[in-house]
Amino acid sequence: MKNLLFILAILATGPVFGQTAFGDKITADGAIPANLLASKMKTADSLAVKVTGTVVGVCQNKGCWMQLDIGEGKMIRVKFKDYAFFVPKDISGKTVVLDGRAYHSTTSVTHLRHYAQDAGKSKAEIEKITEPEVNIVFEARGVIVM
């Protein structure tokens, strides 16, 4: 009987329908496609929003950030609120739902080079980074990996 309860407890903590959640418990209800985020941010400094999109990069050191494709060859960097959780390093190409806050931010050359190093870029690619970038950044309080 104890073994059965133990097995049921383990199964109850696993992903539901192939989804895995990180951070705060969230749902996909009301999520907008990532390619609409840039147009919504044209009139706002920051925006509380749910977004769904495809992961195109993940920090290969810890999974402490990821990049989401927003179309037209552009990406947004996703950080995790209070550095409270990370995502798996092998989720590139997967669809995710994010709940949190999008905002405009200037990323310094130092940070851009650090991100490039975390992403496994070559030394030559890292040295080509010479100017800061103004981008949309997303601070997620919760993530669902589909």
N, C-alpha and C. Protein backbone atom coordinates (compact mmCIF):
# COMPACT_ATOMS: atom_id res chain seq x y z
N MET A 1 0.82 -1.19 0.00
CA MET A 1 0.00 0.00 0.00
C MET A 1 0.87 1.26 0.00
N LYS A 2 1.94 1.24 0.82
CA LYS A 2 2.84 2.40 0.87
C LYS A 2 3.48 2.64 -0.49
N ASN A 3 3.87 1.55 -1.17
CA ASN A 3 4.48 1.69 -2.49
C ASN A 3 3.50 2.30 -3.49
N LEU A 4 2.25 1.89 -3.43
CA LEU A 4 1.24 2.43 -4.33
C LEU A 4 1.06 3.93 -4.10
N LEU A 5 0.98 4.34 -2.84
CA LEU A 5 0.84 5.77 -2.53
C LEU A 5 2.06 6.55 -2.99
N PHE A 6 3.23 5.98 -2.83
CA PHE A 6 4.45 6.65 -3.29
C PHE A 6 4.44 6.84 -4.80
N ILE A 7 4.07 5.81 -5.53
CA ILE A 7 4.03 5.88 -6.99
C ILE A 7 2.99 6.91 -7.44
N LEU A 8 1.83 6.91 -6.80
CA LEU A 8 0.79 7.90 -7.15
C LEU A 8 1.27 9.32 -6.88
N ALA A 9 1.99 9.51 -5.80
CA ALA A 9 2.51 10.85 -5.48
C ALA A 9 3.51 11.30 -6.54
N ILE A 10 4.37 10.41 -6.99
CA ILE A 10 5.34 10.75 -8.04
C ILE A 10 4.62 11.09 -9.34
N LEU A 11 3.64 10.30 -9.72
CA LEU A 11 2.91 10.55 -10.97
C LEU A 11 2.13 11.86 -10.91
N ALA A 12 1.64 12.22 -9.75
CA ALA A 12 0.86 13.45 -9.61
C ALA A 12 1.71 14.70 -9.78
N THR A 13 3.01 14.59 -9.57
CA THR A 13 3.87 15.77 -9.70
C THR A 13 4.42 15.95 -11.09
N GLY A 14 4.16 15.03 -11.99
CA GLY A 14 4.70 15.10 -13.35
C GLY A 14 3.91 16.05 -14.23
N PRO A 15 4.39 16.29 -15.45
CA PRO A 15 3.72 17.19 -16.38
C PRO A 15 2.37 16.64 -16.83
N VAL A 16 1.44 17.55 -17.11
CA VAL A 16 0.12 17.18 -17.58
C VAL A 16 0.06 17.41 -19.08
N PHE A 17 -0.35 16.40 -19.83
CA PHE A 17 -0.51 16.51 -21.28
C PHE A 17 0.74 17.05 -21.95
N GLY A 18 1.90 16.64 -21.51
CA GLY A 18 3.15 17.04 -22.16
C GLY A 18 3.59 18.45 -21.84
N GLN A 19 2.96 19.11 -20.88
CA GLN A 19 3.34 20.46 -20.51
C GLN A 19 4.14 20.42 -19.22
N THR A 20 5.11 21.33 -19.12
CA THR A 20 5.89 21.47 -17.90
C THR A 20 5.85 22.93 -17.51
N ALA A 21 5.62 23.21 -16.23
CA ALA A 21 5.50 24.59 -15.76
C ALA A 21 6.68 24.94 -14.86
N PHE A 22 7.06 26.22 -14.92
CA PHE A 22 8.14 26.75 -14.09
C PHE A 22 7.68 28.08 -13.51
N GLY A 23 8.12 28.38 -12.29
CA GLY A 23 7.73 29.64 -11.66
C GLY A 23 6.32 29.57 -11.12
N ASP A 24 5.62 30.73 -11.12
CA ASP A 24 4.24 30.79 -10.65
C ASP A 24 3.34 29.94 -11.53
N LYS A 25 2.28 29.43 -10.94
CA LYS A 25 1.30 28.65 -11.71
C LYS A 25 0.54 29.61 -12.62
N ILE A 26 0.56 29.34 -13.92
CA ILE A 26 -0.12 30.18 -14.90
C ILE A 26 -0.94 29.31 -15.83
N THR A 27 -1.77 29.96 -16.63
CA THR A 27 -2.53 29.27 -17.67
C THR A 27 -2.22 29.94 -19.01
N ALA A 28 -2.60 29.30 -20.08
CA ALA A 28 -2.39 29.86 -21.41
C ALA A 28 -3.54 30.77 -21.83
N ASP A 29 -4.59 30.85 -21.04
CA ASP A 29 -5.75 31.67 -21.38
C ASP A 29 -5.36 33.12 -21.63
N GLY A 30 -5.77 33.66 -22.76
CA GLY A 30 -5.54 35.06 -23.07
C GLY A 30 -4.15 35.40 -23.60
N ALA A 31 -3.32 34.40 -23.85
CA ALA A 31 -1.96 34.67 -24.35
C ALA A 31 -2.02 35.15 -25.80
N ILE A 32 -1.21 36.17 -26.11
CA ILE A 32 -1.14 36.68 -27.48
C ILE A 32 0.07 36.07 -28.18
N PRO A 33 0.03 35.96 -29.50
CA PRO A 33 1.21 35.48 -30.22
C PRO A 33 2.38 36.45 -30.05
N ALA A 34 3.57 35.93 -29.93
CA ALA A 34 4.77 36.76 -29.70
C ALA A 34 4.97 37.81 -30.79
N ASN A 35 4.55 37.51 -32.01
CA ASN A 35 4.77 38.47 -33.10
C ASN A 35 3.90 39.72 -32.97
N LEU A 36 2.92 39.73 -32.07
CA LEU A 36 2.10 40.92 -31.83
C LEU A 36 2.66 41.80 -30.72
N LEU A 37 3.64 41.30 -29.97
CA LEU A 37 4.15 42.03 -28.82
C LEU A 37 4.79 43.36 -29.21
N ALA A 38 5.61 43.39 -30.25
CA ALA A 38 6.29 44.62 -30.64
C ALA A 38 5.30 45.73 -30.98
N SER A 39 4.22 45.40 -31.68
CA SER A 39 3.24 46.43 -32.03
C SER A 39 2.51 46.93 -30.79
N LYS A 40 2.23 46.06 -29.83
CA LYS A 40 1.58 46.48 -28.59
C LYS A 40 2.52 47.36 -27.76
N MET A 41 3.83 47.13 -27.87
CA MET A 41 4.80 47.89 -27.08
C MET A 41 5.11 49.26 -27.69
N LYS A 42 4.65 49.54 -28.90
CA LYS A 42 4.91 50.85 -29.52
C LYS A 42 4.28 51.98 -28.72
N THR A 43 3.19 51.70 -28.03
CA THR A 43 2.48 52.74 -27.29
C THR A 43 2.60 52.59 -25.78
N ALA A 44 3.48 51.71 -25.32
CA ALA A 44 3.61 51.48 -23.87
C ALA A 44 5.07 51.33 -23.47
N ASP A 45 5.40 51.86 -22.29
CA ASP A 45 6.74 51.65 -21.74
C ASP A 45 6.87 50.24 -21.18
N SER A 46 5.79 49.77 -20.56
CA SER A 46 5.76 48.40 -20.06
C SER A 46 4.34 47.89 -20.17
N LEU A 47 4.20 46.57 -20.14
CA LEU A 47 2.91 45.96 -20.39
C LEU A 47 2.83 44.63 -19.66
N ALA A 48 1.80 44.46 -18.81
CA ALA A 48 1.54 43.16 -18.20
C ALA A 48 0.81 42.32 -19.24
N VAL A 49 1.37 41.17 -19.59
CA VAL A 49 0.83 40.43 -20.73
C VAL A 49 1.21 38.95 -20.66
N LYS A 50 0.39 38.12 -21.32
CA LYS A 50 0.73 36.72 -21.55
C LYS A 50 1.09 36.58 -23.02
N VAL A 51 2.17 35.87 -23.29
CA VAL A 51 2.68 35.72 -24.65
C VAL A 51 2.95 34.25 -24.92
N THR A 52 2.69 33.82 -26.15
CA THR A 52 3.07 32.48 -26.56
C THR A 52 3.95 32.57 -27.81
N GLY A 53 4.98 31.75 -27.85
CA GLY A 53 5.90 31.78 -28.99
C GLY A 53 6.89 30.64 -28.95
N THR A 54 7.84 30.70 -29.87
CA THR A 54 8.84 29.64 -30.02
C THR A 54 10.17 30.08 -29.43
N VAL A 55 10.76 29.22 -28.62
CA VAL A 55 12.07 29.49 -28.02
C VAL A 55 13.14 29.31 -29.09
N VAL A 56 14.04 30.30 -29.21
CA VAL A 56 15.12 30.20 -30.19
C VAL A 56 16.50 30.15 -29.53
N GLY A 57 16.56 30.32 -28.22
CA GLY A 57 17.83 30.24 -27.52
C GLY A 57 17.61 30.19 -26.02
N VAL A 58 18.51 29.49 -25.33
CA VAL A 58 18.44 29.35 -23.87
C VAL A 58 19.85 29.45 -23.32
N CYS A 59 20.00 30.09 -22.16
CA CYS A 59 21.29 30.12 -21.47
C CYS A 59 21.77 28.68 -21.28
N GLN A 60 22.95 28.39 -21.80
CA GLN A 60 23.48 27.03 -21.71
C GLN A 60 24.25 26.78 -20.42
N ASN A 61 24.40 27.81 -19.58
CA ASN A 61 25.03 27.60 -18.28
C ASN A 61 24.03 27.08 -17.26
N LYS A 62 22.88 27.80 -17.12
CA LYS A 62 21.91 27.44 -16.09
C LYS A 62 20.46 27.41 -16.55
N GLY A 63 20.19 27.92 -17.74
CA GLY A 63 18.80 28.08 -18.16
C GLY A 63 18.18 29.32 -17.53
N CYS A 64 19.02 30.33 -17.24
CA CYS A 64 18.56 31.52 -16.51
C CYS A 64 17.96 32.59 -17.40
N TRP A 65 17.96 32.43 -18.70
CA TRP A 65 17.26 33.30 -19.64
C TRP A 65 16.97 32.51 -20.90
N MET A 66 16.07 33.04 -21.71
CA MET A 66 15.81 32.44 -23.02
C MET A 66 15.45 33.55 -23.99
N GLN A 67 15.47 33.21 -25.27
CA GLN A 67 15.08 34.15 -26.32
C GLN A 67 13.87 33.58 -27.03
N LEU A 68 12.94 34.48 -27.36
CA LEU A 68 11.71 34.10 -28.03
C LEU A 68 11.64 34.81 -29.38
N ASP A 69 11.29 34.07 -30.41
CA ASP A 69 11.14 34.63 -31.75
C ASP A 69 9.89 35.49 -31.81
N ILE A 70 10.04 36.77 -32.26
CA ILE A 70 8.88 37.64 -32.42
C ILE A 70 8.64 38.00 -33.88
N GLY A 71 9.29 37.27 -34.77
CA GLY A 71 9.09 37.48 -36.20
C GLY A 71 10.02 38.52 -36.79
N GLU A 72 10.09 38.54 -38.11
CA GLU A 72 10.92 39.49 -38.86
C GLU A 72 12.39 39.46 -38.42
N GLY A 73 12.86 38.29 -38.02
CA GLY A 73 14.25 38.14 -37.62
C GLY A 73 14.59 38.74 -36.27
N LYS A 74 13.58 39.10 -35.48
CA LYS A 74 13.81 39.72 -34.17
C LYS A 74 13.46 38.76 -33.05
N MET A 75 14.09 39.01 -31.90
CA MET A 75 13.87 38.18 -30.73
C MET A 75 13.69 39.07 -29.50
N ILE A 76 13.06 38.52 -28.47
CA ILE A 76 13.04 39.19 -27.18
C ILE A 76 13.77 38.30 -26.18
N ARG A 77 14.44 38.94 -25.25
CA ARG A 77 15.11 38.21 -24.17
C ARG A 77 14.11 38.05 -23.04
N VAL A 78 14.03 36.85 -22.50
CA VAL A 78 13.13 36.55 -21.39
C VAL A 78 13.98 36.27 -20.16
N LYS A 79 13.74 37.06 -19.11
CA LYS A 79 14.37 36.82 -17.80
C LYS A 79 13.29 36.27 -16.88
N PHE A 80 13.71 35.77 -15.73
CA PHE A 80 12.76 35.18 -14.81
C PHE A 80 12.72 35.97 -13.51
N LYS A 81 11.50 36.34 -13.10
CA LYS A 81 11.29 37.24 -11.97
C LYS A 81 12.09 36.81 -10.75
N ASP A 82 12.83 37.77 -10.22
CA ASP A 82 13.64 37.58 -9.01
C ASP A 82 14.64 36.44 -9.14
N TYR A 83 14.95 36.03 -10.38
CA TYR A 83 15.90 34.94 -10.60
C TYR A 83 15.46 33.69 -9.82
N ALA A 84 14.13 33.55 -9.67
CA ALA A 84 13.57 32.53 -8.78
C ALA A 84 13.47 31.14 -9.41
N PHE A 85 13.56 31.06 -10.73
CA PHE A 85 13.48 29.76 -11.39
C PHE A 85 14.24 29.82 -12.70
N PHE A 86 14.56 28.67 -13.22
CA PHE A 86 15.24 28.54 -14.51
C PHE A 86 14.42 27.59 -15.38
N VAL A 87 14.77 27.53 -16.66
CA VAL A 87 14.11 26.59 -17.58
C VAL A 87 15.16 25.60 -18.08
N PRO A 88 14.73 24.45 -18.59
CA PRO A 88 15.69 23.49 -19.13
C PRO A 88 16.49 24.09 -20.29
N LYS A 89 17.73 23.66 -20.41
CA LYS A 89 18.62 24.20 -21.45
C LYS A 89 18.32 23.63 -22.83
N ASP A 90 17.46 22.64 -22.92
CA ASP A 90 17.21 21.96 -24.19
C ASP A 90 15.82 22.24 -24.78
N ILE A 91 15.26 23.42 -24.52
CA ILE A 91 13.90 23.70 -25.01
C ILE A 91 13.86 24.56 -26.28
N SER A 92 15.01 24.82 -26.89
CA SER A 92 14.99 25.57 -28.15
C SER A 92 14.12 24.83 -29.16
N GLY A 93 13.29 25.60 -29.86
CA GLY A 93 12.38 25.02 -30.83
C GLY A 93 11.01 24.68 -30.26
N LYS A 94 10.87 24.72 -28.94
CA LYS A 94 9.59 24.39 -28.32
C LYS A 94 8.74 25.65 -28.15
N THR A 95 7.44 25.43 -28.07
CA THR A 95 6.49 26.51 -27.83
C THR A 95 6.33 26.71 -26.33
N VAL A 96 6.30 27.99 -25.92
CA VAL A 96 6.12 28.31 -24.51
C VAL A 96 5.01 29.35 -24.35
N VAL A 97 4.46 29.40 -23.16
CA VAL A 97 3.55 30.47 -22.75
C VAL A 97 4.23 31.18 -21.59
N LEU A 98 4.30 32.51 -21.67
CA LEU A 98 4.92 33.33 -20.64
C LEU A 98 3.86 34.24 -20.03
N ASP A 99 3.93 34.44 -18.73
CA ASP A 99 3.07 35.42 -18.08
C ASP A 99 3.99 36.34 -17.30
N GLY A 100 3.88 37.64 -17.56
CA GLY A 100 4.74 38.58 -16.85
C GLY A 100 4.63 39.98 -17.39
N ARG A 101 5.77 40.65 -17.50
CA ARG A 101 5.81 42.06 -17.88
C ARG A 101 6.84 42.27 -18.97
N ALA A 102 6.41 42.93 -20.05
CA ALA A 102 7.32 43.30 -21.14
C ALA A 102 7.67 44.77 -20.96
N TYR A 103 8.92 45.13 -21.25
CA TYR A 103 9.35 46.53 -21.13
C TYR A 103 10.52 46.79 -22.07
N HIS A 104 10.75 48.07 -22.36
CA HIS A 104 11.88 48.47 -23.19
C HIS A 104 13.11 48.59 -22.30
N SER A 105 14.25 48.13 -22.80
CA SER A 105 15.49 48.19 -22.02
C SER A 105 16.69 48.33 -22.95
N THR A 106 17.69 49.08 -22.48
CA THR A 106 18.96 49.17 -23.20
C THR A 106 19.91 48.16 -22.58
N THR A 107 20.43 47.27 -23.41
CA THR A 107 21.36 46.24 -22.95
C THR A 107 22.78 46.66 -23.30
N SER A 108 23.64 46.72 -22.28
CA SER A 108 25.02 47.18 -22.47
C SER A 108 25.83 46.16 -23.28
N VAL A 109 26.94 46.63 -23.82
CA VAL A 109 27.86 45.76 -24.55
C VAL A 109 28.34 44.63 -23.65
N THR A 110 28.65 44.95 -22.40
CA THR A 110 29.11 43.94 -21.44
C THR A 110 28.07 42.83 -21.29
N HIS A 111 26.81 43.21 -21.10
CA HIS A 111 25.77 42.19 -20.94
C HIS A 111 25.53 41.42 -22.24
N LEU A 112 25.54 42.12 -23.37
CA LEU A 112 25.36 41.43 -24.65
C LEU A 112 26.45 40.39 -24.87
N ARG A 113 27.68 40.74 -24.51
CA ARG A 113 28.78 39.77 -24.65
C ARG A 113 28.61 38.60 -23.69
N HIS A 114 28.15 38.90 -22.48
CA HIS A 114 27.90 37.84 -21.50
C HIS A 114 26.83 36.88 -22.02
N TYR A 115 25.73 37.44 -22.56
CA TYR A 115 24.67 36.60 -23.11
C TYR A 115 25.19 35.75 -24.27
N ALA A 116 26.01 36.34 -25.12
CA ALA A 116 26.58 35.60 -26.25
C ALA A 116 27.46 34.45 -25.76
N GLN A 117 28.23 34.71 -24.71
CA GLN A 117 29.07 33.66 -24.13
C GLN A 117 28.20 32.55 -23.55
N ASP A 118 27.14 32.92 -22.80
CA ASP A 118 26.21 31.94 -22.25
C ASP A 118 25.56 31.09 -23.34
N ALA A 119 25.33 31.70 -24.50
CA ALA A 119 24.69 30.99 -25.61
C ALA A 119 25.67 30.13 -26.39
N GLY A 120 26.95 30.15 -26.00
CA GLY A 120 27.95 29.31 -26.65
C GLY A 120 28.51 29.88 -27.94
N LYS A 121 28.42 31.20 -28.11
CA LYS A 121 28.96 31.84 -29.32
C LYS A 121 30.49 31.80 -29.29
N SER A 122 31.09 31.89 -30.48
CA SER A 122 32.55 31.86 -30.58
C SER A 122 33.13 33.19 -30.11
N LYS A 123 34.42 33.18 -29.81
CA LYS A 123 35.11 34.40 -29.37
C LYS A 123 35.02 35.48 -30.44
N ALA A 124 35.14 35.10 -31.71
CA ALA A 124 35.05 36.07 -32.81
C ALA A 124 33.66 36.72 -32.86
N GLU A 125 32.61 35.92 -32.66
CA GLU A 125 31.25 36.47 -32.65
C GLU A 125 31.05 37.41 -31.48
N ILE A 126 31.60 37.06 -30.33
CA ILE A 126 31.47 37.89 -29.14
C ILE A 126 32.17 39.22 -29.33
N GLU A 127 33.34 39.20 -29.94
CA GLU A 127 34.11 40.44 -30.14
C GLU A 127 33.46 41.38 -31.15
N LYS A 128 32.57 40.88 -31.98
CA LYS A 128 31.85 41.74 -32.94
C LYS A 128 30.79 42.61 -32.26
N ILE A 129 30.47 42.31 -31.03
CA ILE A 129 29.47 43.09 -30.30
C ILE A 129 30.15 44.34 -29.77
N THR A 130 29.79 45.50 -30.32
CA THR A 130 30.47 46.75 -29.97
C THR A 130 29.52 47.88 -29.57
N GLU A 131 28.21 47.68 -29.71
CA GLU A 131 27.26 48.74 -29.38
C GLU A 131 26.11 48.19 -28.55
N PRO A 132 25.60 49.01 -27.61
CA PRO A 132 24.43 48.57 -26.84
C PRO A 132 23.20 48.46 -27.74
N GLU A 133 22.20 47.73 -27.28
CA GLU A 133 20.96 47.53 -28.04
C GLU A 133 19.76 47.93 -27.19
N VAL A 134 18.79 48.58 -27.83
CA VAL A 134 17.50 48.85 -27.18
C VAL A 134 16.53 47.79 -27.68
N ASN A 135 15.99 47.04 -26.76
CA ASN A 135 15.13 45.91 -27.10
C ASN A 135 13.95 45.82 -26.15
N ILE A 136 13.03 44.95 -26.51
CA ILE A 136 11.96 44.57 -25.59
C ILE A 136 12.49 43.41 -24.75
N VAL A 137 12.34 43.53 -23.45
CA VAL A 137 12.72 42.46 -22.52
C VAL A 137 11.44 41.99 -21.84
N PHE A 138 11.38 40.71 -21.54
CA PHE A 138 10.20 40.15 -20.87
C PHE A 138 10.65 39.54 -19.55
N GLU A 139 10.02 39.97 -18.46
CA GLU A 139 10.28 39.38 -17.15
C GLU A 139 9.11 38.45 -16.83
N ALA A 140 9.38 37.15 -16.90
CA ALA A 140 8.32 36.15 -16.71
C ALA A 140 8.21 35.76 -15.24
N ARG A 141 6.98 35.70 -14.77
CA ARG A 141 6.73 35.19 -13.41
C ARG A 141 6.38 33.72 -13.46
N GLY A 142 5.99 33.26 -14.67
CA GLY A 142 5.67 31.86 -14.87
C GLY A 142 5.83 31.48 -16.33
N VAL A 143 6.19 30.22 -16.58
CA VAL A 143 6.41 29.72 -17.93
C VAL A 143 5.78 28.33 -18.04
N ILE A 144 5.11 28.09 -19.16
CA ILE A 144 4.65 26.75 -19.50
C ILE A 144 5.38 26.34 -20.77
N VAL A 145 6.05 25.19 -20.73
CA VAL A 145 6.69 24.63 -21.92
C VAL A 145 5.74 23.59 -22.47
N MET A 146 5.34 23.77 -23.72
CA MET A 146 4.35 22.87 -24.34
C MET A 146 5.04 21.62 -24.88
